[in-house]
């Protein structure tokens, strides 16, 4: 809040309070004056009504029945009535009327109104026994002369020895004396009230100064708190924006990694809370299928791996230990896909398992290569065994044949190469066969081949 630095200039808040206080006091004073004025006016009008009632009681004995039944037109009677009401005319009354019960003016100090008829509701009310006052203009119902402001008083008029009003007497009083009386009553009250309000206003200044000073201090504190709150909100907005940006970057990173990341519940089916979109590229199932169906994960596990994998998950859920395993899943198009699954159990603040998170790495190509290599290794090993067996068999046959040839006749020695299937062997002569049969040292190479081939 900006404070005034000029020595002679009051703080803006003090000035505002001073103006508001002055306005409130002025309105209160005006209200009091209006009440006083109204009471004074009512009192003056009540006095006029009392005078009219008194005059009606006094003059009723001088009036005739004809004065209230038919309009008075006789000059003599008009003169008599004028003389009768003349004393009243000298005490502030500016016009007098006599009304018949049907609203016809039978007499008026303004003779031009005699015989006129007005539908005045006041007549019925006065004939019922009430007195009526009203303020208006002198010639509102016709007449001559200056149209001044007047107060009219309607009173019931009873003739001698009559209980029921025969007509109505109306006095028109000049409002000027009433106004003067009201002013005379209100003026001293207004002076006294104004002085009291000025004193009250002056006594409010020290209080206003203390109040405004306290309000200024509070406003300064509120301004400081507002600035601190604004700074905190800005920092929070920046933090939220940074968090969203980091989350976007992390999500983009996760979604671009050559593996599938996931978050699972710790239930019997390891139902998914989050699954990265790479899973659809690998297996063909939309991410929403994993999130909507709690039992979707067991459904896509290979039947030969399902029980083992679910048991490993259940054990990790209980113990909170991380683990890695390899298993197969069935793709949407029927392919068998191998995965390397690394699972981490996340604990809450109390150390209790909360959820599982991990990543799936497609190792189908590696598994295919390993299987192919294993098949080649087995094939080579089998081939070596078969070759070894074949060599041993041939060596044994050759040794046996050589021994048989040595014991047989020389003419039969020429048939043993053919028995071994050695087509390229030329038929031995009788002298060579005899030599093989006669020399024991010729059997040594064959026995050596059998030993090399194994038992």
Protein backbone atom coordinates (compact mmCIF):
# COMPACT_ATOMS: atom_id res chain seq x y z
CA UNK A 1 0.00 0.00 0.00
CA UNK A 2 1.35 3.45 -0.93
CA UNK A 3 1.74 5.81 1.99
CA UNK A 4 1.67 9.61 1.81
CA UNK A 5 5.08 11.19 2.37
CA UNK A 6 3.99 14.83 2.54
CA UNK A 7 4.02 16.22 6.08
CA UNK A 8 0.79 18.26 5.74
CA UNK A 9 -1.15 15.74 3.75
CA UNK A 10 -3.12 13.13 5.71
CA UNK A 11 -3.00 9.52 4.60
CA UNK A 12 -5.55 8.67 1.98
CA UNK A 13 -7.23 6.11 4.22
CA UNK A 14 -7.66 8.66 7.03
CA UNK A 15 -9.21 11.14 4.61
CA UNK A 16 -11.54 8.49 3.28
CA UNK A 17 -12.67 7.56 6.77
CA UNK A 18 -13.14 11.21 7.61
CA UNK A 19 -15.32 11.75 4.55
CA UNK A 20 -17.36 8.63 5.23
CA UNK A 21 -17.82 9.60 8.88
CA UNK A 22 -18.85 13.12 7.92
CA UNK A 23 -21.33 11.78 5.39
CA UNK A 24 -22.76 9.33 7.93
CA UNK A 25 -23.11 12.05 10.56
CA UNK A 26 -24.67 14.39 8.03
CA UNK A 27 -27.20 11.77 7.01
CA UNK A 28 -27.98 11.06 10.66
CA UNK A 29 -28.44 14.78 11.32
CA UNK A 30 -30.64 15.16 8.24
CA UNK A 31 -32.73 12.23 9.36
CA UNK A 32 -33.16 13.70 12.82
CA UNK A 33 -34.13 17.07 11.36
CA UNK A 34 -36.68 15.44 9.07
CA UNK A 35 -38.23 13.66 12.02
CA UNK A 36 -38.32 16.87 14.05
CA UNK A 37 -39.77 18.79 11.13
CA UNK A 38 -42.42 16.18 10.52
CA UNK A 39 -43.43 16.13 14.17
CA UNK A 40 -43.59 19.93 14.24
CA UNK A 41 -45.69 19.97 11.09
CA UNK A 42 -48.05 17.31 12.42
CA UNK A 43 -48.36 19.22 15.67
CA UNK A 44 -49.21 22.47 13.85
CA UNK A 45 -51.75 20.74 11.60
CA UNK A 46 -53.28 19.06 14.63
CA UNK A 47 -53.71 22.49 16.20
CA UNK A 48 -55.49 23.67 13.06
CA UNK A 49 -57.81 20.68 13.18
CA UNK A 50 -58.57 21.43 16.82
CA UNK A 51 -59.37 25.03 15.91
CA UNK A 52 -61.67 23.87 13.11
CA UNK A 53 -63.45 21.43 15.46
CA UNK A 54 -63.90 24.15 18.06
CA UNK A 55 -65.23 26.57 15.43
CA UNK A 56 -67.70 23.98 14.15
CA UNK A 57 -69.04 23.46 17.68
CA UNK A 58 -69.30 27.22 18.25
CA UNK A 59 -70.88 28.17 14.93
CA UNK A 60 -73.29 25.24 14.63
CA UNK A 61 -75.86 27.07 16.76
CA UNK A 62 -75.80 29.99 14.31
CA UNK A 63 -76.37 27.86 11.23
CA UNK A 64 -79.72 26.86 9.80
CA UNK A 65 -80.75 23.55 8.32
CA UNK A 66 -81.28 25.28 4.99
CA UNK A 67 -77.62 26.34 5.01
CA UNK A 68 -76.67 22.65 4.70
CA UNK A 69 -79.48 21.37 2.51
CA UNK A 70 -79.55 23.83 -0.40
CA UNK A 71 -76.92 26.20 -1.87
CA UNK A 72 -77.22 29.62 -0.24
CA UNK A 73 -78.07 32.18 -2.89
CA UNK A 74 -79.93 34.84 -0.93
CA UNK A 75 -77.79 37.96 -0.66
CA UNK A 76 -78.99 38.57 2.86
CA UNK A 77 -78.11 35.08 4.02
CA UNK A 78 -74.79 35.23 2.22
CA UNK A 79 -73.99 38.46 4.02
CA UNK A 80 -74.98 36.92 7.34
CA UNK A 81 -72.79 33.89 6.79
CA UNK A 82 -69.88 36.06 5.66
CA UNK A 83 -70.19 38.01 8.88
CA UNK A 84 -70.43 34.77 10.88
CA UNK A 85 -67.19 33.40 9.49
CA UNK A 86 -65.32 36.72 9.37
CA UNK A 87 -63.62 36.27 12.76
CA UNK A 88 -62.27 32.92 11.63
CA UNK A 89 -60.99 34.47 8.42
CA UNK A 90 -58.88 36.85 10.48
CA UNK A 91 -56.97 34.03 12.26
CA UNK A 92 -55.18 32.55 9.26
CA UNK A 93 -58.17 30.93 7.57
CA UNK A 94 -58.25 31.92 3.89
CA UNK A 95 -61.41 30.08 2.81
CA UNK A 96 -64.42 28.41 4.37
CA UNK A 97 -66.78 25.83 2.86
CA UNK A 98 -69.96 24.17 3.93
CA UNK A 99 -70.52 20.77 2.28
CA UNK A 100 -73.81 18.97 1.91
CA UNK A 101 -73.80 15.23 2.45
CA UNK A 102 -73.76 14.52 -1.32
CA UNK A 103 -70.59 16.60 -1.86
CA UNK A 104 -72.31 19.86 -2.95
CA UNK A 105 -70.91 23.16 -1.68
CA UNK A 106 -73.82 25.02 -0.06
CA UNK A 107 -71.70 27.97 1.11
CA UNK A 108 -68.16 29.28 0.59
CA UNK A 109 -66.41 32.48 1.45
CA UNK A 110 -65.55 32.43 -2.29
CA UNK A 111 -69.13 32.74 -3.58
CA UNK A 112 -68.12 31.43 -7.01
CA UNK A 113 -67.82 27.92 -5.53
CA UNK A 114 -71.41 27.81 -4.15
CA UNK A 115 -73.39 25.09 -5.89
CA UNK A 116 -70.31 23.22 -7.20
CA UNK A 117 -70.14 19.53 -6.57
CA UNK A 118 -66.98 17.48 -6.13
CA UNK A 119 -66.69 13.71 -5.71
CA UNK A 120 -64.57 13.99 -2.59
CA UNK A 121 -63.92 10.78 -0.68
CA UNK A 122 -63.06 12.84 2.37
CA UNK A 123 -66.75 13.83 2.77
CA UNK A 124 -67.90 10.28 3.51
CA UNK A 125 -65.05 9.73 5.93
CA UNK A 126 -65.86 12.94 7.84
CA UNK A 127 -69.61 12.20 7.90
CA UNK A 128 -68.65 8.90 9.58
CA UNK A 129 -67.29 10.97 12.50
CA UNK A 130 -63.62 11.43 11.64
CA UNK A 131 -61.57 14.57 10.97
CA UNK A 132 -59.39 14.75 7.86
CA UNK A 133 -56.35 16.91 7.07
CA UNK A 134 -54.67 17.36 3.72
CA UNK A 135 -52.15 19.72 2.18
CA UNK A 136 -52.54 21.11 -1.30
CA UNK A 137 -53.31 24.25 -3.26
CA UNK A 138 -56.12 26.67 -2.55
CA UNK A 139 -57.74 26.40 -5.97
CA UNK A 140 -57.31 22.67 -6.55
CA UNK A 141 -61.12 22.34 -6.50
CA UNK A 142 -61.78 25.66 -8.20
CA UNK A 143 -62.09 29.19 -6.92
CA UNK A 144 -60.58 32.59 -7.36
CA UNK A 145 -57.58 34.39 -5.96
CA UNK A 146 -53.95 33.41 -5.52
CA UNK A 147 -53.40 29.68 -5.61
CA UNK A 148 -51.32 29.44 -2.45
CA UNK A 149 -50.27 26.36 -0.51
CA UNK A 150 -52.83 25.53 2.14
CA UNK A 151 -53.75 22.94 4.71
CA UNK A 152 -57.37 21.84 4.65
CA UNK A 153 -59.22 20.59 7.73
CA UNK A 154 -62.50 18.73 7.30
CA UNK A 155 -64.68 18.42 10.44
CA UNK A 156 -68.20 17.05 10.87
CA UNK A 157 -70.88 19.70 11.43
CA UNK A 158 -73.84 18.96 13.71
CA UNK A 159 -76.69 21.38 14.27
CA UNK A 160 -78.23 21.93 17.66
CA UNK A 161 -79.80 18.87 19.28
CA UNK A 162 -78.58 16.57 16.43
CA UNK A 163 -76.29 13.58 16.95
CA UNK A 164 -75.72 12.75 13.28
CA UNK A 165 -73.55 15.14 11.22
CA UNK A 166 -75.72 17.07 8.77
CA UNK A 167 -72.80 18.40 6.74
CA UNK A 168 -69.07 19.13 6.69
CA UNK A 169 -67.19 22.27 7.59
CA UNK A 170 -63.89 22.84 5.76
CA UNK A 171 -61.29 25.44 6.72
CA UNK A 172 -58.43 26.32 4.37
CA UNK A 173 -55.45 27.59 6.36
CA UNK A 174 -52.46 29.34 4.83
CA UNK A 175 -49.47 27.02 5.00
CA UNK A 176 -47.05 29.94 5.48
CA UNK A 177 -47.62 30.35 9.24
CA UNK A 178 -47.36 26.59 9.65
CA UNK A 179 -44.05 26.59 7.80
CA UNK A 180 -42.81 29.44 9.92
CA UNK A 181 -43.82 27.59 13.06
CA UNK A 182 -42.04 24.47 11.84
CA UNK A 183 -38.88 26.43 11.02
CA UNK A 184 -39.00 28.11 14.40
CA UNK A 185 -39.20 24.70 16.04
CA UNK A 186 -36.56 23.01 13.91
CA UNK A 187 -33.95 25.77 13.76
CA UNK A 188 -32.68 25.56 17.34
CA UNK A 189 -32.76 21.80 17.16
CA UNK A 190 -30.74 21.90 13.95
CA UNK A 191 -28.16 24.25 15.49
CA UNK A 192 -27.81 22.11 18.58
CA UNK A 193 -27.62 18.93 16.52
CA UNK A 194 -25.05 20.39 14.13
CA UNK A 195 -22.85 21.46 17.02
CA UNK A 196 -23.15 18.03 18.62
CA UNK A 197 -22.27 16.33 15.35
CA UNK A 198 -19.25 18.58 14.85
CA UNK A 199 -18.01 17.74 18.33
CA UNK A 200 -18.59 14.06 17.67
CA UNK A 201 -16.80 14.28 14.34
CA UNK A 202 -13.86 16.01 15.97
CA UNK A 203 -13.66 13.36 18.66
CA UNK A 204 -13.56 10.69 15.98
CA UNK A 205 -10.29 11.91 14.47
CA UNK A 206 -7.99 10.33 17.08
CA UNK A 207 -9.94 7.11 16.82
CA UNK A 208 -9.84 7.28 13.03
CA UNK A 209 -6.11 7.87 13.14
CA UNK A 210 -5.53 4.80 15.32
CA UNK A 211 -7.87 2.68 13.25
CA UNK A 212 -6.33 3.73 9.96
CA UNK A 213 -2.85 3.20 11.33
CA UNK A 214 -3.76 -0.33 12.38
CA UNK A 215 -5.39 -0.90 9.00
CA UNK A 216 -2.28 0.34 7.23
CA UNK A 217 -0.10 -2.10 9.17
CA UNK A 218 -2.52 -4.90 8.41
CA UNK A 219 -2.64 -3.89 4.76
CA UNK A 220 1.15 -3.93 4.61
CA UNK A 221 1.21 -7.40 6.15
CA UNK A 222 -1.47 -8.57 3.76
CA UNK A 223 0.44 -7.08 0.84
CA UNK A 224 3.60 -8.89 1.97
CA UNK A 225 1.68 -12.12 2.39
CA UNK A 226 0.10 -11.63 -1.03
CA UNK A 227 3.52 -11.12 -2.60
CA UNK A 228 4.86 -14.19 -0.81
CA UNK A 229 1.83 -16.18 -1.93
CA UNK A 230 2.29 -14.96 -5.49
CA UNK A 231 5.95 -15.94 -5.39
CA UNK A 232 5.05 -19.35 -4.00
CA UNK A 233 2.40 -19.83 -6.66
CA UNK A 234 4.84 -18.82 -9.37
CA UNK A 235 7.40 -21.28 -8.04
CA UNK A 236 4.75 -23.96 -7.88
CA UNK A 237 3.61 -23.21 -11.42
CA UNK A 238 7.21 -23.39 -12.60
CA UNK A 239 7.72 -26.64 -10.69
CA UNK A 240 4.54 -28.11 -12.17
CA UNK A 241 5.59 -26.98 -15.64
CA UNK A 242 9.04 -28.48 -15.11
CA UNK A 243 7.51 -31.69 -13.80
CA UNK A 244 5.21 -31.93 -16.79
CA UNK A 245 8.11 -31.28 -19.14
CA UNK A 246 10.24 -33.90 -17.38
CA UNK A 247 7.33 -36.31 -17.46
CA UNK A 248 6.87 -35.69 -21.17
CA UNK A 249 10.58 -36.24 -21.80
CA UNK A 250 10.57 -39.37 -19.65
CA UNK A 251 7.46 -40.71 -21.39
CA UNK A 252 9.00 -39.98 -24.80
CA UNK A 253 12.20 -41.72 -23.70
CA UNK A 254 10.31 -44.73 -22.36
CA UNK A 255 8.18 -44.98 -25.47
CA UNK A 256 11.23 -44.81 -27.73
CA UNK A 257 13.32 -47.43 -25.91
CA UNK A 258 13.77 -50.77 -27.74
CA UNK A 259 12.00 -52.55 -24.89
CA UNK A 260 8.63 -52.67 -23.13
CA UNK A 261 8.21 -50.97 -19.73
CA UNK A 262 5.29 -51.78 -17.46
CA UNK A 263 3.79 -51.35 -13.99
CA UNK A 264 1.74 -54.22 -12.53
CA UNK A 265 -0.49 -54.75 -9.54
CA UNK A 266 0.53 -57.29 -6.95
CA UNK A 267 -2.38 -59.62 -7.66
CA UNK A 268 -2.55 -63.21 -8.81
CA UNK A 269 -2.58 -62.25 -12.49
CA UNK A 270 -0.05 -59.36 -12.38
CA UNK A 271 -2.66 -57.11 -14.00
CA UNK A 272 -1.28 -54.04 -15.72
CA UNK A 273 -1.47 -50.45 -14.46
CA UNK A 274 0.78 -49.09 -17.20
CA UNK A 275 2.12 -50.64 -20.39
CA UNK A 276 4.34 -48.82 -22.88
CA UNK A 277 3.16 -48.74 -26.51
CA UNK A 278 6.07 -50.89 -27.76
CA UNK A 279 4.10 -53.97 -26.68
CA UNK A 280 1.67 -53.48 -29.57
CA UNK A 281 4.54 -53.36 -32.06
CA UNK A 282 5.98 -56.64 -30.74
CA UNK A 283 2.89 -58.73 -29.96
CA UNK A 284 0.15 -56.89 -31.86
CA UNK A 285 -2.16 -56.40 -28.83
CA UNK A 286 -3.29 -52.78 -28.12
CA UNK A 287 -2.19 -51.28 -24.82
CA UNK A 288 -5.81 -50.84 -23.77
CA UNK A 289 -6.33 -54.64 -23.82
CA UNK A 290 -3.67 -55.00 -21.11
CA UNK A 291 -5.27 -52.28 -18.99
CA UNK A 292 -8.91 -53.32 -19.39
CA UNK A 293 -8.57 -57.07 -18.79
CA UNK A 294 -6.94 -57.97 -15.43
CA UNK A 295 -6.28 -61.54 -16.66
CA UNK A 296 -4.81 -60.59 -20.01
CA UNK A 297 -1.21 -61.34 -19.03
CA UNK A 298 -1.80 -65.03 -18.19
CA UNK A 299 -3.80 -65.42 -21.40
CA UNK A 300 -0.84 -64.52 -23.64
CA UNK A 301 1.76 -66.56 -21.72
CA UNK A 302 2.94 -69.73 -23.47
CA UNK A 303 1.11 -72.70 -21.94
CA UNK A 304 4.41 -74.44 -21.18
CA UNK A 305 5.69 -71.37 -19.27
CA UNK A 306 2.51 -70.04 -17.64
CA UNK A 307 2.57 -71.87 -14.32
CA UNK A 308 6.28 -71.30 -13.77
CA UNK A 309 6.13 -67.55 -14.55
CA UNK A 310 3.04 -66.88 -12.42
CA UNK A 311 4.62 -68.75 -9.54
CA UNK A 312 7.76 -66.59 -9.82
CA UNK A 313 5.64 -63.44 -9.79
CA UNK A 314 3.62 -64.60 -6.79
CA UNK A 315 6.78 -65.40 -4.85
CA UNK A 316 8.23 -61.94 -5.62
CA UNK A 317 4.97 -60.28 -4.55
CA UNK A 318 5.24 -61.95 -1.14
CA UNK A 319 8.98 -61.52 -0.54
CA UNK A 320 9.49 -58.19 -2.28
CA UNK A 321 12.58 -59.52 -4.06
CA UNK A 322 13.44 -58.57 -7.62
CA UNK A 323 14.05 -61.29 -10.18
CA UNK A 324 14.68 -61.95 -13.86
CA UNK A 325 13.29 -64.74 -15.99
CA UNK A 326 12.87 -65.79 -19.58
CA UNK A 327 9.67 -67.10 -21.08
CA UNK A 328 7.51 -67.10 -24.17
CA UNK A 329 4.33 -65.24 -25.10
CA UNK A 330 1.93 -65.86 -27.98
CA UNK A 331 1.57 -62.90 -30.37
CA UNK A 332 -1.74 -61.89 -31.89
CA UNK A 333 -0.77 -63.49 -35.21
CA UNK A 334 0.23 -66.75 -33.48
CA UNK A 335 4.00 -66.19 -33.39
CA UNK A 336 5.98 -67.34 -30.35
CA UNK A 337 8.01 -64.45 -28.92
CA UNK A 338 10.73 -64.92 -26.31
CA UNK A 339 11.15 -62.24 -23.60
CA UNK A 340 13.74 -61.51 -20.94
CA UNK A 341 11.65 -60.08 -18.05
CA UNK A 342 13.36 -58.07 -15.28
CA UNK A 343 10.95 -57.39 -12.38
CA UNK A 344 11.47 -54.95 -9.48
CA UNK A 345 9.09 -54.77 -6.51
CA UNK A 346 8.46 -51.18 -5.34
CA UNK A 347 7.74 -50.71 -1.62
CA UNK A 348 5.75 -47.99 0.11
CA UNK A 349 6.95 -45.70 2.91
CA UNK A 350 6.43 -48.49 5.44
CA UNK A 351 8.45 -50.97 3.44
CA UNK A 352 5.45 -53.00 2.25
CA UNK A 353 5.28 -54.15 -1.39
CA UNK A 354 3.26 -51.61 -3.36
CA UNK A 355 3.55 -52.50 -7.05
CA UNK A 356 5.77 -54.25 -9.55
CA UNK A 357 7.59 -52.52 -12.36
CA UNK A 358 9.99 -53.79 -14.93
CA UNK A 359 10.84 -54.13 -18.58
CA UNK A 360 10.49 -56.81 -21.24
CA UNK A 361 13.27 -57.33 -23.78
CA UNK A 362 12.50 -59.20 -26.97
CA UNK A 363 15.16 -61.97 -27.20
CA UNK A 364 13.49 -64.03 -29.91
CA UNK A 365 16.37 -63.51 -32.36
CA UNK A 366 18.94 -64.50 -29.75
CA UNK A 367 16.95 -67.57 -28.75
CA UNK A 368 16.59 -68.57 -32.41
CA UNK A 369 20.34 -68.21 -32.93
CA UNK A 370 21.07 -70.20 -29.77
CA UNK A 371 18.74 -72.99 -30.89
CA UNK A 372 20.30 -73.03 -34.35
CA UNK A 373 23.80 -73.16 -32.84
CA UNK A 374 22.75 -75.93 -30.50
CA UNK A 375 21.30 -77.91 -33.38
CA UNK A 376 24.54 -77.53 -35.37
CA UNK A 377 26.60 -78.56 -32.36
CA UNK A 378 24.47 -81.65 -31.79
CA UNK A 379 24.60 -82.47 -35.48
CA UNK A 380 28.39 -82.12 -35.52
CA UNK A 381 28.74 -84.19 -32.37
CA UNK A 382 26.49 -86.90 -33.78
CA UNK A 383 28.43 -86.82 -37.04
CA UNK A 384 31.71 -87.18 -35.17
CA UNK A 385 30.33 -90.12 -33.22
CA UNK A 386 29.07 -91.76 -36.38
CA UNK A 387 32.39 -91.16 -38.13
CA UNK A 388 34.24 -92.51 -35.14
CA UNK A 389 32.04 -95.55 -35.07
CA UNK A 390 32.47 -96.03 -38.78
CA UNK A 391 36.27 -95.83 -38.56
CA UNK A 392 36.33 -98.27 -35.66
CA UNK A 393 34.08 -100.63 -37.48
CA UNK A 394 36.20 -100.49 -40.58
CA UNK A 395 39.43 -100.99 -38.63
CA UNK A 396 37.97 -103.94 -36.77
CA UNK A 397 36.73 -105.47 -39.99
CA UNK A 398 40.07 -104.89 -41.66
CA UNK A 399 42.01 -106.45 -38.76
CA UNK A 400 39.65 -109.41 -38.62
CA UNK A 401 39.86 -109.85 -42.36
CA UNK A 402 43.64 -109.67 -42.30
CA UNK A 403 43.79 -112.28 -39.62
CA UNK A 404 41.39 -114.48 -41.51
CA UNK A 405 43.40 -114.06 -44.66
CA UNK A 406 46.59 -115.00 -42.88
CA UNK A 407 45.02 -118.23 -41.73
CA UNK A 408 43.32 -119.07 -45.00
CA UNK A 409 44.74 -120.30 -48.12
CA UNK A 410 46.64 -118.04 -50.35
CA UNK A 411 44.13 -118.24 -53.19
CA UNK A 412 41.36 -116.84 -50.89
CA UNK A 413 43.38 -113.80 -49.83
CA UNK A 414 42.51 -111.99 -53.00
CA UNK A 415 38.81 -111.65 -51.97
CA UNK A 416 39.06 -109.53 -48.70
CA UNK A 417 39.43 -106.03 -50.27
CA UNK A 418 36.17 -106.49 -52.13
CA UNK A 419 34.48 -107.61 -48.92
CA UNK A 420 35.48 -104.29 -47.32
CA UNK A 421 34.08 -102.28 -50.21
CA UNK A 422 37.43 -100.99 -51.37
CA UNK A 423 36.74 -100.84 -55.05
CA UNK A 424 39.94 -98.98 -55.81
CA UNK A 425 42.01 -101.82 -54.40
CA UNK A 426 43.62 -103.80 -57.17
CA UNK A 427 43.33 -107.51 -57.02
CA UNK A 428 46.44 -108.86 -55.20
CA UNK A 429 48.64 -111.38 -56.84
CA UNK A 430 49.21 -114.81 -55.37
CA UNK A 431 52.65 -113.82 -54.24
CA UNK A 432 51.34 -110.68 -52.35
CA UNK A 433 48.69 -112.68 -50.56
CA UNK A 434 51.20 -115.26 -49.61
CA UNK A 435 53.45 -112.52 -48.29
CA UNK A 436 50.66 -111.00 -46.12
CA UNK A 437 49.80 -114.40 -44.81
CA UNK A 438 53.37 -115.31 -44.05
CA UNK A 439 54.44 -112.07 -42.31
CA UNK A 440 52.90 -111.28 -38.90
CA UNK A 441 54.29 -107.74 -38.94
CA UNK A 442 51.82 -106.78 -41.69
CA UNK A 443 48.94 -106.92 -39.13
CA UNK A 444 50.35 -104.09 -36.97
CA UNK A 445 48.84 -101.14 -38.94
CA UNK A 446 45.38 -102.61 -38.70
CA UNK A 447 45.58 -103.19 -35.00
CA UNK A 448 46.86 -99.61 -34.55
CA UNK A 449 43.80 -98.27 -36.46
CA UNK A 450 41.47 -100.17 -34.15
CA UNK A 451 43.13 -98.72 -31.08
CA UNK A 452 42.85 -95.16 -32.47
CA UNK A 453 39.16 -95.69 -33.19
CA UNK A 454 38.56 -96.59 -29.55
CA UNK A 455 37.30 -99.65 -27.78
